[in-house]
Amino acid sequence: MSAKRWVHGREQQSRRPPSHTWRTFLTNHVAMLVSTDFFTVPTLTGRVLFVFVLLAHQCRRIVDFTVTERPTAEWQRMSAW
């Protein structure tokens, strides 16, 4: 297959309308979508707290969160599950 023919084939594929929109995909799968966030919080006493948050999109609520002063590999593994 020549490069010109390959490029022409790709151009033809890109002109096809999408099978469904991104909004449709999100609406259909919102029950399974979660987000995670990992951030630090400085305290008034100078300490730093590490926070891991798990958010459910369907109900727009915090599902779980953990806070520690000393994050270890084990804490990160437990937070992720």
PDB file of N, CA and C in Angstrom:
ATOM      1  N   MET A   1       0.854  -1.170   0.000  1.00  0.00           N
ATOM      2  CA  MET A   1       0.000   0.000   0.000  1.00  0.00           C
ATOM      3  C   MET A   1       0.901   1.235   0.000  1.00  0.00           C
ATOM      4  N   SER A   2       0.614   2.149  -0.877  1.00  0.00           N
ATOM      5  CA  SER A   2       1.420   3.367  -0.957  1.00  0.00           C
ATOM      6  C   SER A   2       1.027   4.331   0.163  1.00  0.00           C
ATOM      7  N   ALA A   3       1.935   5.249   0.474  1.00  0.00           N
ATOM      8  CA  ALA A   3       1.679   6.245   1.519  1.00  0.00           C
ATOM      9  C   ALA A   3       0.517   7.141   1.122  1.00  0.00           C
ATOM     10  N   LYS A   4       0.430   7.477  -0.160  1.00  0.00           N
ATOM     11  CA  LYS A   4      -0.645   8.343  -0.637  1.00  0.00           C
ATOM     12  C   LYS A   4      -2.007   7.676  -0.432  1.00  0.00           C
ATOM     13  N   ARG A   5      -2.077   6.386  -0.727  1.00  0.00           N
ATOM     14  CA  ARG A   5      -3.337   5.647  -0.558  1.00  0.00           C
ATOM     15  C   ARG A   5      -3.702   5.538   0.920  1.00  0.00           C
ATOM     16  N   TRP A   6      -2.686   5.316   1.779  1.00  0.00           N
ATOM     17  CA  TRP A   6      -2.928   5.215   3.215  1.00  0.00           C
ATOM     18  C   TRP A   6      -3.471   6.525   3.761  1.00  0.00           C
ATOM     19  N   VAL A   7      -2.854   7.665   3.360  1.00  0.00           N
ATOM     20  CA  VAL A   7      -3.313   8.972   3.823  1.00  0.00           C
ATOM     21  C   VAL A   7      -4.734   9.230   3.342  1.00  0.00           C
ATOM     22  N   HIS A   8      -5.036   8.894   2.100  1.00  0.00           N
ATOM     23  CA  HIS A   8      -6.384   9.085   1.557  1.00  0.00           C
ATOM     24  C   HIS A   8      -7.399   8.272   2.366  1.00  0.00           C
ATOM     25  N   GLY A   9      -7.049   7.056   2.738  1.00  0.00           N
ATOM     26  CA  GLY A   9      -7.933   6.213   3.547  1.00  0.00           C
ATOM     27  C   GLY A   9      -8.189   6.826   4.917  1.00  0.00           C
ATOM     28  N   ARG A  10      -7.157   7.392   5.526  1.00  0.00           N
ATOM     29  CA  ARG A  10      -7.309   8.038   6.828  1.00  0.00           C
ATOM     30  C   ARG A  10      -8.189   9.281   6.723  1.00  0.00           C
ATOM     31  N   GLU A  11      -8.055  10.027   5.646  1.00  0.00           N
ATOM     32  CA  GLU A  11      -8.896  11.210   5.447  1.00  0.00           C
ATOM     33  C   GLU A  11     -10.361  10.813   5.316  1.00  0.00           C
ATOM     34  N   GLN A  12     -10.615   9.720   4.645  1.00  0.00           N
ATOM     35  CA  GLN A  12     -11.987   9.252   4.489  1.00  0.00           C
ATOM     36  C   GLN A  12     -12.573   8.834   5.837  1.00  0.00           C
ATOM     37  N   GLN A  13     -11.769   8.187   6.661  1.00  0.00           N
ATOM     38  CA  GLN A  13     -12.239   7.764   7.978  1.00  0.00           C
ATOM     39  C   GLN A  13     -12.561   8.954   8.867  1.00  0.00           C
ATOM     40  N   SER A  14     -11.783  10.020   8.767  1.00  0.00           N
ATOM     41  CA  SER A  14     -11.999  11.167   9.643  1.00  0.00           C
ATOM     42  C   SER A  14     -13.258  11.944   9.273  1.00  0.00           C
ATOM     43  N   ARG A  15     -13.805  11.735   8.109  1.00  0.00           N
ATOM     44  CA  ARG A  15     -15.014  12.437   7.692  1.00  0.00           C
ATOM     45  C   ARG A  15     -16.286  11.773   8.201  1.00  0.00           C
ATOM     46  N   ARG A  16     -16.166  10.584   8.741  1.00  0.00           N
ATOM     47  CA  ARG A  16     -17.338   9.885   9.269  1.00  0.00           C
ATOM     48  C   ARG A  16     -17.817  10.564  10.544  1.00  0.00           C
ATOM     49  N   PRO A  17     -19.124  10.676  10.729  1.00  0.00           N
ATOM     50  CA  PRO A  17     -19.615  11.248  11.991  1.00  0.00           C
ATOM     51  C   PRO A  17     -19.339  10.275  13.142  1.00  0.00           C
ATOM     52  N   PRO A  18     -19.138  10.789  14.342  1.00  0.00           N
ATOM     53  CA  PRO A  18     -18.894   9.888  15.473  1.00  0.00           C
ATOM     54  C   PRO A  18     -20.118   9.031  15.763  1.00  0.00           C
ATOM     55  N   SER A  19     -19.877   7.833  16.284  1.00  0.00           N
ATOM     56  CA  SER A  19     -20.985   6.925  16.574  1.00  0.00           C
ATOM     57  C   SER A  19     -21.887   7.487  17.669  1.00  0.00           C
ATOM     58  N   HIS A  20     -21.323   8.174  18.636  1.00  0.00           N
ATOM     59  CA  HIS A  20     -22.100   8.891  19.637  1.00  0.00           C
ATOM     60  C   HIS A  20     -21.230   9.990  20.224  1.00  0.00           C
ATOM     61  N   THR A  21     -21.825  10.901  20.894  1.00  0.00           N
ATOM     62  CA  THR A  21     -21.082  12.047  21.420  1.00  0.00           C
ATOM     63  C   THR A  21     -20.463  11.722  22.777  1.00  0.00           C
ATOM     64  N   TRP A  22     -19.558  12.568  23.191  1.00  0.00           N
ATOM     65  CA  TRP A  22     -18.917  12.417  24.490  1.00  0.00           C
ATOM     66  C   TRP A  22     -19.953  12.554  25.604  1.00  0.00           C
ATOM     67  N   ARG A  23     -20.895  13.470  25.426  1.00  0.00           N
ATOM     68  CA  ARG A  23     -21.949  13.655  26.423  1.00  0.00           C
ATOM     69  C   ARG A  23     -22.770  12.380  26.593  1.00  0.00           C
ATOM     70  N   THR A  24     -23.083  11.698  25.490  1.00  0.00           N
ATOM     71  CA  THR A  24     -23.835  10.443  25.555  1.00  0.00           C
ATOM     72  C   THR A  24     -23.041   9.385  26.316  1.00  0.00           C
ATOM     73  N   PHE A  25     -21.752   9.293  26.019  1.00  0.00           N
ATOM     74  CA  PHE A  25     -20.897   8.328  26.712  1.00  0.00           C
ATOM     75  C   PHE A  25     -20.910   8.591  28.218  1.00  0.00           C
ATOM     76  N   LEU A  26     -20.729   9.848  28.617  1.00  0.00           N
ATOM     77  CA  LEU A  26     -20.701  10.181  30.042  1.00  0.00           C
ATOM     78  C   LEU A  26     -22.041   9.896  30.705  1.00  0.00           C
ATOM     79  N   THR A  27     -23.131  10.210  30.028  1.00  0.00           N
ATOM     80  CA  THR A  27     -24.456   9.940  30.579  1.00  0.00           C
ATOM     81  C   THR A  27     -24.664   8.448  30.790  1.00  0.00           C
ATOM     82  N   ASN A  28     -24.211   7.642  29.836  1.00  0.00           N
ATOM     83  CA  ASN A  28     -24.391   6.192  29.923  1.00  0.00           C
ATOM     84  C   ASN A  28     -23.508   5.543  30.983  1.00  0.00           C
ATOM     85  N   HIS A  29     -22.388   6.162  31.331  1.00  0.00           N
ATOM     86  CA  HIS A  29     -21.422   5.527  32.230  1.00  0.00           C
ATOM     87  C   HIS A  29     -21.208   6.267  33.551  1.00  0.00           C
ATOM     88  N   VAL A  30     -22.014   7.266  33.835  1.00  0.00           N
ATOM     89  CA  VAL A  30     -21.790   8.074  35.030  1.00  0.00           C
ATOM     90  C   VAL A  30     -21.839   7.249  36.314  1.00  0.00           C
ATOM     91  N   ALA A  31     -22.597   6.169  36.320  1.00  0.00           N
ATOM     92  CA  ALA A  31     -22.693   5.335  37.526  1.00  0.00           C
ATOM     93  C   ALA A  31     -21.366   4.654  37.858  1.00  0.00           C
ATOM     94  N   MET A  32     -20.490   4.508  36.871  1.00  0.00           N
ATOM     95  CA  MET A  32     -19.220   3.826  37.084  1.00  0.00           C
ATOM     96  C   MET A  32     -18.031   4.773  37.206  1.00  0.00           C
ATOM     97  N   LEU A  33     -18.246   6.076  37.049  1.00  0.00           N
ATOM     98  CA  LEU A  33     -17.141   7.027  37.047  1.00  0.00           C
ATOM     99  C   LEU A  33     -16.811   7.520  38.452  1.00  0.00           C
ATOM    100  N   VAL A  34     -15.531   7.497  38.768  1.00  0.00           N
ATOM    101  CA  VAL A  34     -15.036   8.067  40.017  1.00  0.00           C
ATOM    102  C   VAL A  34     -13.799   8.893  39.700  1.00  0.00           C
ATOM    103  N   SER A  35     -13.522   9.831  40.556  1.00  0.00           N
ATOM    104  CA  SER A  35     -12.314  10.651  40.436  1.00  0.00           C
ATOM    105  C   SER A  35     -11.518  10.541  41.717  1.00  0.00           C
ATOM    106  N   THR A  36     -10.229  10.713  41.581  1.00  0.00           N
ATOM    107  CA  THR A  36      -9.375  10.742  42.761  1.00  0.00           C
ATOM    108  C   THR A  36      -8.604  12.045  42.782  1.00  0.00           C
ATOM    109  N   ASP A  37      -8.258  12.470  43.959  1.00  0.00           N
ATOM    110  CA  ASP A  37      -7.428  13.655  44.110  1.00  0.00           C
ATOM    111  C   ASP A  37      -6.478  13.417  45.272  1.00  0.00           C
ATOM    112  N   PHE A  38      -5.258  13.842  45.097  1.00  0.00           N
ATOM    113  CA  PHE A  38      -4.231  13.713  46.118  1.00  0.00           C
ATOM    114  C   PHE A  38      -3.609  15.093  46.278  1.00  0.00           C
ATOM    115  N   PHE A  39      -3.677  15.654  47.478  1.00  0.00           N
ATOM    116  CA  PHE A  39      -3.157  16.997  47.678  1.00  0.00           C
ATOM    117  C   PHE A  39      -2.641  17.152  49.098  1.00  0.00           C
ATOM    118  N   THR A  40      -1.942  18.258  49.334  1.00  0.00           N
ATOM    119  CA  THR A  40      -1.402  18.547  50.657  1.00  0.00           C
ATOM    120  C   THR A  40      -2.133  19.743  51.258  1.00  0.00           C
ATOM    121  N   VAL A  41      -2.186  19.760  52.584  1.00  0.00           N
ATOM    122  CA  VAL A  41      -2.824  20.860  53.308  1.00  0.00           C
ATOM    123  C   VAL A  41      -1.851  21.339  54.377  1.00  0.00           C
ATOM    124  N   PRO A  42      -1.347  22.566  54.247  1.00  0.00           N
ATOM    125  CA  PRO A  42      -0.490  23.103  55.310  1.00  0.00           C
ATOM    126  C   PRO A  42      -1.356  23.560  56.482  1.00  0.00           C
ATOM    127  N   THR A  43      -0.918  23.243  57.684  1.00  0.00           N
ATOM    128  CA  THR A  43      -1.679  23.632  58.883  1.00  0.00           C
ATOM    129  C   THR A  43      -1.105  24.915  59.465  1.00  0.00           C
ATOM    130  N   LEU A  44      -1.834  25.507  60.390  1.00  0.00           N
ATOM    131  CA  LEU A  44      -1.368  26.729  61.047  1.00  0.00           C
ATOM    132  C   LEU A  44      -0.129  26.494  61.894  1.00  0.00           C
ATOM    133  N   THR A  45       0.078  25.254  62.332  1.00  0.00           N
ATOM    134  CA  THR A  45       1.240  24.939  63.164  1.00  0.00           C
ATOM    135  C   THR A  45       2.472  24.573  62.334  1.00  0.00           C
ATOM    136  N   GLY A  46       2.355  24.644  61.015  1.00  0.00           N
ATOM    137  CA  GLY A  46       3.506  24.350  60.164  1.00  0.00           C
ATOM    138  C   GLY A  46       3.593  22.911  59.689  1.00  0.00           C
ATOM    139  N   ARG A  47       2.689  22.079  60.134  1.00  0.00           N
ATOM    140  CA  ARG A  47       2.692  20.683  59.656  1.00  0.00           C
ATOM    141  C   ARG A  47       2.083  20.628  58.264  1.00  0.00           C
ATOM    142  N   VAL A  48       2.345  19.534  57.575  1.00  0.00           N
ATOM    143  CA  VAL A  48       1.753  19.312  56.256  1.00  0.00           C
ATOM    144  C   VAL A  48       0.982  18.000  56.308  1.00  0.00           C
ATOM    145  N   LEU A  49      -0.287  18.046  55.951  1.00  0.00           N
ATOM    146  CA  LEU A  49      -1.124  16.847  55.908  1.00  0.00           C
ATOM    147  C   LEU A  49      -1.302  16.426  54.450  1.00  0.00           C
ATOM    148  N   PHE A  50      -1.259  15.126  54.217  1.00  0.00           N
ATOM    149  CA  PHE A  50      -1.454  14.565  52.881  1.00  0.00           C
ATOM    150  C   PHE A  50      -2.855  13.975  52.825  1.00  0.00           C
ATOM    151  N   VAL A  51      -3.608  14.336  51.802  1.00  0.00           N
ATOM    152  CA  VAL A  51      -5.019  13.945  51.699  1.00  0.00           C
ATOM    153  C   VAL A  51      -5.255  13.211  50.378  1.00  0.00           C
ATOM    154  N   PHE A  52      -5.980  12.114  50.471  1.00  0.00           N
ATOM    155  CA  PHE A  52      -6.410  11.357  49.293  1.00  0.00           C
ATOM    156  C   PHE A  52      -7.937  11.304  49.323  1.00  0.00           C
ATOM    157  N   VAL A  53      -8.584  11.741  48.227  1.00  0.00           N
ATOM    158  CA  VAL A  53     -10.047  11.808  48.168  1.00  0.00           C
ATOM    159  C   VAL A  53     -10.551  11.001  46.977  1.00  0.00           C
ATOM    160  N   LEU A  54     -11.651  10.278  47.177  1.00  0.00           N
ATOM    161  CA  LEU A  54     -12.306   9.509  46.128  1.00  0.00           C
ATOM    162  C   LEU A  54     -13.729  10.061  45.972  1.00  0.00           C
ATOM    163  N   LEU A  55     -14.068  10.527  44.766  1.00  0.00           N
ATOM    164  CA  LEU A  55     -15.361  11.154  44.502  1.00  0.00           C
ATOM    165  C   LEU A  55     -16.177  10.326  43.519  1.00  0.00           C
ATOM    166  N   ALA A  56     -17.462  10.143  43.818  1.00  0.00           N
ATOM    167  CA  ALA A  56     -18.379   9.454  42.906  1.00  0.00           C
ATOM    168  C   ALA A  56     -19.116  10.496  42.081  1.00  0.00           C
ATOM    169  N   HIS A  57     -19.129  10.332  40.771  1.00  0.00           N
ATOM    170  CA  HIS A  57     -19.767  11.323  39.907  1.00  0.00           C
ATOM    171  C   HIS A  57     -21.284  11.230  39.922  1.00  0.00           C
ATOM    172  N   GLN A  58     -21.823  10.031  40.030  1.00  0.00           N
ATOM    173  CA  GLN A  58     -23.278   9.865  39.946  1.00  0.00           C
ATOM    174  C   GLN A  58     -23.993  10.649  41.042  1.00  0.00           C
ATOM    175  N   CYS A  59     -23.491  10.547  42.269  1.00  0.00           N
ATOM    176  CA  CYS A  59     -24.148  11.252  43.378  1.00  0.00           C
ATOM    177  C   CYS A  59     -23.408  12.525  43.781  1.00  0.00           C
ATOM    178  N   ARG A  60     -22.274  12.797  43.103  1.00  0.00           N
ATOM    179  CA  ARG A  60     -21.472  13.993  43.362  1.00  0.00           C
ATOM    180  C   ARG A  60     -21.130  14.138  44.846  1.00  0.00           C
ATOM    181  N   ARG A  61     -20.642  13.048  45.399  1.00  0.00           N
ATOM    182  CA  ARG A  61     -20.288  13.039  46.822  1.00  0.00           C
ATOM    183  C   ARG A  61     -18.915  12.400  47.043  1.00  0.00           C
ATOM    184  N   ILE A  62     -18.342  12.710  48.197  1.00  0.00           N
ATOM    185  CA  ILE A  62     -17.087  12.079  48.591  1.00  0.00           C
ATOM    186  C   ILE A  62     -17.405  10.662  49.050  1.00  0.00           C
ATOM    187  N   VAL A  63     -16.782   9.697  48.417  1.00  0.00           N
ATOM    188  CA  VAL A  63     -16.985   8.292  48.761  1.00  0.00           C
ATOM    189  C   VAL A  63     -16.057   7.899  49.901  1.00  0.00           C
ATOM    190  N   ASP A  64     -14.811   8.352  49.824  1.00  0.00           N
ATOM    191  CA  ASP A  64     -13.828   8.002  50.848  1.00  0.00           C
ATOM    192  C   ASP A  64     -12.721   9.058  50.845  1.00  0.00           C
ATOM    193  N   PHE A  65     -12.089   9.228  51.983  1.00  0.00           N
ATOM    194  CA  PHE A  65     -10.905  10.075  52.048  1.00  0.00           C
ATOM    195  C   PHE A  65     -10.031   9.608  53.194  1.00  0.00           C
ATOM    196  N   THR A  66      -8.748   9.821  53.044  1.00  0.00           N
ATOM    197  CA  THR A  66      -7.791   9.499  54.100  1.00  0.00           C
ATOM    198  C   THR A  66      -6.822  10.660  54.245  1.00  0.00           C
ATOM    199  N   VAL A  67      -6.341  10.846  55.464  1.00  0.00           N
ATOM    200  CA  VAL A  67      -5.414  11.936  55.763  1.00  0.00           C
ATOM    201  C   VAL A  67      -4.286  11.366  56.614  1.00  0.00           C
ATOM    202  N   THR A  68      -3.064  11.777  56.317  1.00  0.00           N
ATOM    203  CA  THR A  68      -1.921  11.345  57.109  1.00  0.00           C
ATOM    204  C   THR A  68      -0.845  12.424  57.101  1.00  0.00           C
ATOM    205  N   GLU A  69       0.004  12.380  58.115  1.00  0.00           N
ATOM    206  CA  GLU A  69       1.161  13.280  58.160  1.00  0.00           C
ATOM    207  C   GLU A  69       2.364  12.656  57.477  1.00  0.00           C
ATOM    208  N   ARG A  70       2.398  11.352  57.477  1.00  0.00           N
ATOM    209  CA  ARG A  70       3.548  10.637  56.910  1.00  0.00           C
ATOM    210  C   ARG A  70       3.071   9.589  55.907  1.00  0.00           C
ATOM    211  N   PRO A  71       2.948   9.966  54.643  1.00  0.00           N
ATOM    212  CA  PRO A  71       2.482   8.997  53.649  1.00  0.00           C
ATOM    213  C   PRO A  71       3.549   7.930  53.377  1.00  0.00           C
ATOM    214  N   THR A  72       3.125   6.709  53.423  1.00  0.00           N
ATOM    215  CA  THR A  72       4.009   5.583  53.108  1.00  0.00           C
ATOM    216  C   THR A  72       3.448   4.885  51.881  1.00  0.00           C
ATOM    217  N   ALA A  73       4.209   3.979  51.322  1.00  0.00           N
ATOM    218  CA  ALA A  73       3.740   3.216  50.162  1.00  0.00           C
ATOM    219  C   ALA A  73       2.505   2.403  50.535  1.00  0.00           C
ATOM    220  N   GLU A  74       2.490   1.857  51.742  1.00  0.00           N
ATOM    221  CA  GLU A  74       1.330   1.074  52.193  1.00  0.00           C
ATOM    222  C   GLU A  74       0.081   1.957  52.316  1.00  0.00           C
ATOM    223  N   TRP A  75       0.230   3.166  52.840  1.00  0.00           N
ATOM    224  CA  TRP A  75      -0.908   4.096  52.951  1.00  0.00           C
ATOM    225  C   TRP A  75      -1.470   4.445  51.570  1.00  0.00           C
ATOM    226  N   GLN A  76      -0.571   4.657  50.621  1.00  0.00           N
ATOM    227  CA  GLN A  76      -1.008   4.985  49.257  1.00  0.00           C
ATOM    228  C   GLN A  76      -1.747   3.815  48.634  1.00  0.00           C
ATOM    229  N   ARG A  77      -1.249   2.600  48.839  1.00  0.00           N
ATOM    230  CA  ARG A  77      -1.945   1.408  48.305  1.00  0.00           C
ATOM    231  C   ARG A  77      -3.312   1.250  48.933  1.00  0.00           C
ATOM    232  N   MET A  78      -3.397   1.420  50.249  1.00  0.00           N
ATOM    233  CA  MET A  78      -4.684   1.277  50.939  1.00  0.00           C
ATOM    234  C   MET A  78      -5.663   2.385  50.519  1.00  0.00           C
ATOM    235  N   SER A  79      -5.159   3.579  50.273  1.00  0.00           N
ATOM    236  CA  SER A  79      -6.005   4.687  49.849  1.00  0.00           C
ATOM    237  C   SER A  79      -6.566   4.457  48.462  1.00  0.00           C
ATOM    238  N   ALA A  80      -5.785   3.844  47.609  1.00  0.00           N
ATOM    239  CA  ALA A  80      -6.212   3.620  46.222  1.00  0.00           C
ATOM    240  C   ALA A  80      -7.287   2.546  46.118  1.00  0.00           C
ATOM    241  N   TRP A  81      -7.447   1.712  47.124  1.00  0.00           N
ATOM    242  CA  TRP A  81      -8.454   0.656  47.049  1.00  0.00           C
ATOM    243  C   TRP A  81      -9.624   1.055  47.893  1.00  0.00           C
TER     244      TRP A  81
END
